[in-house]
Amino acid sequence: MENLSRRKALSLGVALGLVGVASPVPAWASTGSATGAAAGTGPEWIWDDAADP
């Protein structure tokens, strides 16, 4: 990386930032999550008896 100037580093950072912004956000249904399975119950009130004796 002998020819890496501040301008090239800044351009590379901007390009990587734009790739991050343009990438799709994963979207999935909440029915498989802990809060979706509890039908309105908050996650702090959901317990797994095997993991939390």
PDB file of N, CA and C in Angstrom:
ATOM      1  N   MET A   1       0.836  -1.173   0.000  1.00  0.00           N
ATOM      2  CA  MET A   1       0.000   0.000   0.000  1.00  0.00           C
ATOM      3  C   MET A   1       0.888   1.246   0.000  1.00  0.00           C
ATOM      4  N   GLU A   2       1.769   1.299  -0.950  1.00  0.00           N
ATOM      5  CA  GLU A   2       2.710   2.408  -1.003  1.00  0.00           C
ATOM      6  C   GLU A   2       2.090   3.687  -1.532  1.00  0.00           C
ATOM      7  N   ASN A   3       1.049   3.599  -2.343  1.00  0.00           N
ATOM      8  CA  ASN A   3       0.448   4.792  -2.943  1.00  0.00           C
ATOM      9  C   ASN A   3      -0.862   5.183  -2.256  1.00  0.00           C
ATOM     10  N   LEU A   4      -0.990   4.874  -0.981  1.00  0.00           N
ATOM     11  CA  LEU A   4      -2.224   5.195  -0.265  1.00  0.00           C
ATOM     12  C   LEU A   4      -2.120   6.604   0.319  1.00  0.00           C
ATOM     13  N   SER A   5      -2.855   7.508  -0.264  1.00  0.00           N
ATOM     14  CA  SER A   5      -2.865   8.887   0.228  1.00  0.00           C
ATOM     15  C   SER A   5      -4.099   9.100   1.107  1.00  0.00           C
ATOM     16  N   ARG A   6      -4.152  10.230   1.743  1.00  0.00           N
ATOM     17  CA  ARG A   6      -5.328  10.553   2.560  1.00  0.00           C
ATOM     18  C   ARG A   6      -6.584  10.632   1.709  1.00  0.00           C
ATOM     19  N   ARG A   7      -6.443  11.147   0.517  1.00  0.00           N
ATOM     20  CA  ARG A   7      -7.598  11.269  -0.379  1.00  0.00           C
ATOM     21  C   ARG A   7      -8.122   9.887  -0.769  1.00  0.00           C
ATOM     22  N   LYS A   8      -7.215   8.954  -1.073  1.00  0.00           N
ATOM     23  CA  LYS A   8      -7.643   7.598  -1.428  1.00  0.00           C
ATOM     24  C   LYS A   8      -8.255   6.889  -0.227  1.00  0.00           C
ATOM     25  N   ALA A   9      -7.688   7.095   0.961  1.00  0.00           N
ATOM     26  CA  ALA A   9      -8.240   6.476   2.164  1.00  0.00           C
ATOM     27  C   ALA A   9      -9.641   7.009   2.450  1.00  0.00           C
ATOM     28  N   LEU A  10      -9.820   8.307   2.282  1.00  0.00           N
ATOM     29  CA  LEU A  10     -11.136   8.905   2.492  1.00  0.00           C
ATOM     30  C   LEU A  10     -12.140   8.386   1.465  1.00  0.00           C
ATOM     31  N   SER A  11     -11.712   8.283   0.212  1.00  0.00           N
ATOM     32  CA  SER A  11     -12.595   7.761  -0.839  1.00  0.00           C
ATOM     33  C   SER A  11     -12.977   6.316  -0.563  1.00  0.00           C
ATOM     34  N   LEU A  12     -12.017   5.538  -0.084  1.00  0.00           N
ATOM     35  CA  LEU A  12     -12.304   4.141   0.247  1.00  0.00           C
ATOM     36  C   LEU A  12     -13.298   4.056   1.402  1.00  0.00           C
ATOM     37  N   GLY A  13     -13.147   4.903   2.398  1.00  0.00           N
ATOM     38  CA  GLY A  13     -14.087   4.923   3.517  1.00  0.00           C
ATOM     39  C   GLY A  13     -15.487   5.305   3.090  1.00  0.00           C
ATOM     40  N   VAL A  14     -15.585   6.282   2.208  1.00  0.00           N
ATOM     41  CA  VAL A  14     -16.898   6.695   1.695  1.00  0.00           C
ATOM     42  C   VAL A  14     -17.527   5.565   0.895  1.00  0.00           C
ATOM     43  N   ALA A  15     -16.728   4.902   0.066  1.00  0.00           N
ATOM     44  CA  ALA A  15     -17.253   3.800  -0.743  1.00  0.00           C
ATOM     45  C   ALA A  15     -17.743   2.659   0.146  1.00  0.00           C
ATOM     46  N   LEU A  16     -16.987   2.326   1.175  1.00  0.00           N
ATOM     47  CA  LEU A  16     -17.424   1.263   2.085  1.00  0.00           C
ATOM     48  C   LEU A  16     -18.680   1.670   2.852  1.00  0.00           C
ATOM     49  N   GLY A  17     -18.776   2.932   3.219  1.00  0.00           N
ATOM     50  CA  GLY A  17     -19.979   3.413   3.891  1.00  0.00           C
ATOM     51  C   GLY A  17     -21.207   3.339   3.006  1.00  0.00           C
ATOM     52  N   LEU A  18     -21.037   3.675   1.734  1.00  0.00           N
ATOM     53  CA  LEU A  18     -22.167   3.597   0.807  1.00  0.00           C
ATOM     54  C   LEU A  18     -22.601   2.161   0.569  1.00  0.00           C
ATOM     55  N   VAL A  19     -21.660   1.246   0.545  1.00  0.00           N
ATOM     56  CA  VAL A  19     -22.014  -0.172   0.392  1.00  0.00           C
ATOM     57  C   VAL A  19     -22.815  -0.628   1.607  1.00  0.00           C
ATOM     58  N   GLY A  20     -22.423  -0.179   2.792  1.00  0.00           N
ATOM     59  CA  GLY A  20     -23.154  -0.540   4.001  1.00  0.00           C
ATOM     60  C   GLY A  20     -24.555   0.027   4.032  1.00  0.00           C
ATOM     61  N   VAL A  21     -24.720   1.232   3.528  1.00  0.00           N
ATOM     62  CA  VAL A  21     -26.040   1.862   3.498  1.00  0.00           C
ATOM     63  C   VAL A  21     -26.924   1.197   2.454  1.00  0.00           C
ATOM     64  N   ALA A  22     -26.339   0.810   1.334  1.00  0.00           N
ATOM     65  CA  ALA A  22     -27.120   0.259   0.229  1.00  0.00           C
ATOM     66  C   ALA A  22     -27.464  -1.211   0.424  1.00  0.00           C
ATOM     67  N   SER A  23     -26.819  -1.896   1.363  1.00  0.00           N
ATOM     68  CA  SER A  23     -27.103  -3.321   1.538  1.00  0.00           C
ATOM     69  C   SER A  23     -28.491  -3.498   2.148  1.00  0.00           C
ATOM     70  N   PRO A  24     -29.196  -4.543   1.757  1.00  0.00           N
ATOM     71  CA  PRO A  24     -30.557  -4.747   2.250  1.00  0.00           C
ATOM     72  C   PRO A  24     -30.568  -5.120   3.734  1.00  0.00           C
ATOM     73  N   VAL A  25     -31.591  -4.670   4.414  1.00  0.00           N
ATOM     74  CA  VAL A  25     -31.768  -4.986   5.826  1.00  0.00           C
ATOM     75  C   VAL A  25     -32.563  -6.284   5.912  1.00  0.00           C
ATOM     76  N   PRO A  26     -32.089  -7.258   6.671  1.00  0.00           N
ATOM     77  CA  PRO A  26     -32.844  -8.504   6.774  1.00  0.00           C
ATOM     78  C   PRO A  26     -34.181  -8.264   7.479  1.00  0.00           C
ATOM     79  N   ALA A  27     -35.214  -8.797   6.915  1.00  0.00           N
ATOM     80  CA  ALA A  27     -36.541  -8.659   7.512  1.00  0.00           C
ATOM     81  C   ALA A  27     -37.142 -10.048   7.668  1.00  0.00           C
ATOM     82  N   TRP A  28     -37.663 -10.317   8.824  1.00  0.00           N
ATOM     83  CA  TRP A  28     -38.280 -11.603   9.069  1.00  0.00           C
ATOM     84  C   TRP A  28     -39.482 -11.392   9.983  1.00  0.00           C
ATOM     85  N   ALA A  29     -40.338 -12.369  10.000  1.00  0.00           N
ATOM     86  CA  ALA A  29     -41.528 -12.284  10.830  1.00  0.00           C
ATOM     87  C   ALA A  29     -41.147 -12.486  12.292  1.00  0.00           C
ATOM     88  N   SER A  30     -41.813 -11.792  13.175  1.00  0.00           N
ATOM     89  CA  SER A  30     -41.510 -11.911  14.596  1.00  0.00           C
ATOM     90  C   SER A  30     -42.199 -13.099  15.249  1.00  0.00           C
ATOM     91  N   THR A  31     -42.924 -13.895  14.482  1.00  0.00           N
ATOM     92  CA  THR A  31     -43.629 -15.025  15.075  1.00  0.00           C
ATOM     93  C   THR A  31     -42.677 -16.095  15.585  1.00  0.00           C
ATOM     94  N   GLY A  32     -41.470 -16.164  15.034  1.00  0.00           N
ATOM     95  CA  GLY A  32     -40.509 -17.150  15.509  1.00  0.00           C
ATOM     96  C   GLY A  32     -39.656 -16.657  16.656  1.00  0.00           C
ATOM     97  N   SER A  33     -39.781 -15.389  17.025  1.00  0.00           N
ATOM     98  CA  SER A  33     -38.964 -14.848  18.108  1.00  0.00           C
ATOM     99  C   SER A  33     -39.649 -15.065  19.449  1.00  0.00           C
ATOM    100  N   ALA A  34     -38.931 -14.786  20.511  1.00  0.00           N
ATOM    101  CA  ALA A  34     -39.490 -14.973  21.854  1.00  0.00           C
ATOM    102  C   ALA A  34     -40.669 -14.046  22.093  1.00  0.00           C
ATOM    103  N   THR A  35     -40.566 -12.813  21.651  1.00  0.00           N
ATOM    104  CA  THR A  35     -41.675 -11.889  21.869  1.00  0.00           C
ATOM    105  C   THR A  35     -42.857 -12.207  20.965  1.00  0.00           C
ATOM    106  N   GLY A  36     -42.601 -12.734  19.773  1.00  0.00           N
ATOM    107  CA  GLY A  36     -43.698 -13.099  18.883  1.00  0.00           C
ATOM    108  C   GLY A  36     -44.434 -14.330  19.366  1.00  0.00           C
ATOM    109  N   ALA A  37     -43.720 -15.235  20.017  1.00  0.00           N
ATOM    110  CA  ALA A  37     -44.339 -16.464  20.510  1.00  0.00           C
ATOM    111  C   ALA A  37     -45.186 -16.208  21.751  1.00  0.00           C
ATOM    112  N   ALA A  38     -44.906 -15.141  22.466  1.00  0.00           N
ATOM    113  CA  ALA A  38     -45.602 -14.887  23.721  1.00  0.00           C
ATOM    114  C   ALA A  38     -46.856 -14.038  23.543  1.00  0.00           C
ATOM    115  N   ALA A  39     -47.151 -13.637  22.360  1.00  0.00           N
ATOM    116  CA  ALA A  39     -48.374 -12.893  22.047  1.00  0.00           C
ATOM    117  C   ALA A  39     -48.539 -11.649  22.908  1.00  0.00           C
ATOM    118  N   GLY A  40     -47.566 -10.739  22.818  1.00  0.00           N
ATOM    119  CA  GLY A  40     -47.691  -9.468  23.502  1.00  0.00           C
ATOM    120  C   GLY A  40     -46.956  -9.375  24.820  1.00  0.00           C
ATOM    121  N   THR A  41     -46.437 -10.470  25.332  1.00  0.00           N
ATOM    122  CA  THR A  41     -45.682 -10.430  26.581  1.00  0.00           C
ATOM    123  C   THR A  41     -44.290  -9.902  26.311  1.00  0.00           C
ATOM    124  N   GLY A  42     -43.798  -9.041  27.169  1.00  0.00           N
ATOM    125  CA  GLY A  42     -42.469  -8.473  26.999  1.00  0.00           C
ATOM    126  C   GLY A  42     -41.383  -9.524  27.176  1.00  0.00           C
ATOM    127  N   PRO A  43     -40.228  -9.324  26.561  1.00  0.00           N
ATOM    128  CA  PRO A  43     -39.164 -10.326  26.629  1.00  0.00           C
ATOM    129  C   PRO A  43     -38.614 -10.523  28.036  1.00  0.00           C
ATOM    130  N   GLU A  44     -38.776  -9.530  28.912  1.00  0.00           N
ATOM    131  CA  GLU A  44     -38.274  -9.703  30.274  1.00  0.00           C
ATOM    132  C   GLU A  44     -39.140 -10.645  31.105  1.00  0.00           C
ATOM    133  N   TRP A  45     -40.319 -11.007  30.588  1.00  0.00           N
ATOM    134  CA  TRP A  45     -41.217 -11.899  31.317  1.00  0.00           C
ATOM    135  C   TRP A  45     -41.278 -13.294  30.713  1.00  0.00           C
ATOM    136  N   ILE A  46     -40.469 -13.554  29.707  1.00  0.00           N
ATOM    137  CA  ILE A  46     -40.454 -14.870  29.069  1.00  0.00           C
ATOM    138  C   ILE A  46     -39.294 -15.658  29.647  1.00  0.00           C
ATOM    139  N   TRP A  47     -39.564 -16.834  30.167  1.00  0.00           N
ATOM    140  CA  TRP A  47     -38.522 -17.641  30.800  1.00  0.00           C
ATOM    141  C   TRP A  47     -38.447 -19.000  30.143  1.00  0.00           C
ATOM    142  N   ASP A  48     -37.248 -19.514  30.073  1.00  0.00           N
ATOM    143  CA  ASP A  48     -37.019 -20.875  29.619  1.00  0.00           C
ATOM    144  C   ASP A  48     -36.675 -21.681  30.864  1.00  0.00           C
ATOM    145  N   ASP A  49     -37.576 -22.559  31.283  1.00  0.00           N
ATOM    146  CA  ASP A  49     -37.376 -23.294  32.533  1.00  0.00           C
ATOM    147  C   ASP A  49     -36.109 -24.142  32.529  1.00  0.00           C
ATOM    148  N   ALA A  50     -35.730 -24.659  31.373  1.00  0.00           N
ATOM    149  CA  ALA A  50     -34.513 -25.472  31.309  1.00  0.00           C
ATOM    150  C   ALA A  50     -33.258 -24.616  31.471  1.00  0.00           C
ATOM    151  N   ALA A  51     -33.270 -23.411  30.944  1.00  0.00           N
ATOM    152  CA  ALA A  51     -32.091 -22.546  31.012  1.00  0.00           C
ATOM    153  C   ALA A  51     -32.082 -21.675  32.263  1.00  0.00           C
ATOM    154  N   ASP A  52     -33.245 -21.353  32.787  1.00  0.00           N
ATOM    155  CA  ASP A  52     -33.352 -20.473  33.954  1.00  0.00           C
ATOM    156  C   ASP A  52     -34.091 -21.188  35.083  1.00  0.00           C
ATOM    157  N   PRO A  53     -33.402 -22.072  35.805  1.00  0.00           N
ATOM    158  CA  PRO A  53     -34.114 -22.833  36.862  1.00  0.00           C
ATOM    159  C   PRO A  53     -34.519 -21.966  38.038  1.00  0.00           C
TER     160      PRO A  53
END
